[in-house]
Amino acid sequence: MYGMFNDFVIPYLDIRDRTKGYAVSIVKAGLTAVGRDGGPVRPPLSNLTEADLADLTLLIQKMS
């Protein structure tokens, strides 16, 4: 039980907390990371940076 929490949830929350508004952005980016189109967020929110998206994609791939 703690494995998934420590291996996925905590790193996911770390990415989410990097920028205000990422709570929505990270969900849409997660869809992109698994090959679905989440689309962009609406202003004033911002999409994940390329580096943050890469971190999220790697995190999701490690869990697959």
Foldseek 3Di string as FASTA:
>chain_A
DVCCCVLAVVVLVVLCPPDPQSVLQSVQLLCVLVPHHSDADDPPHGHRDPVSSVSSSVSVVVVD
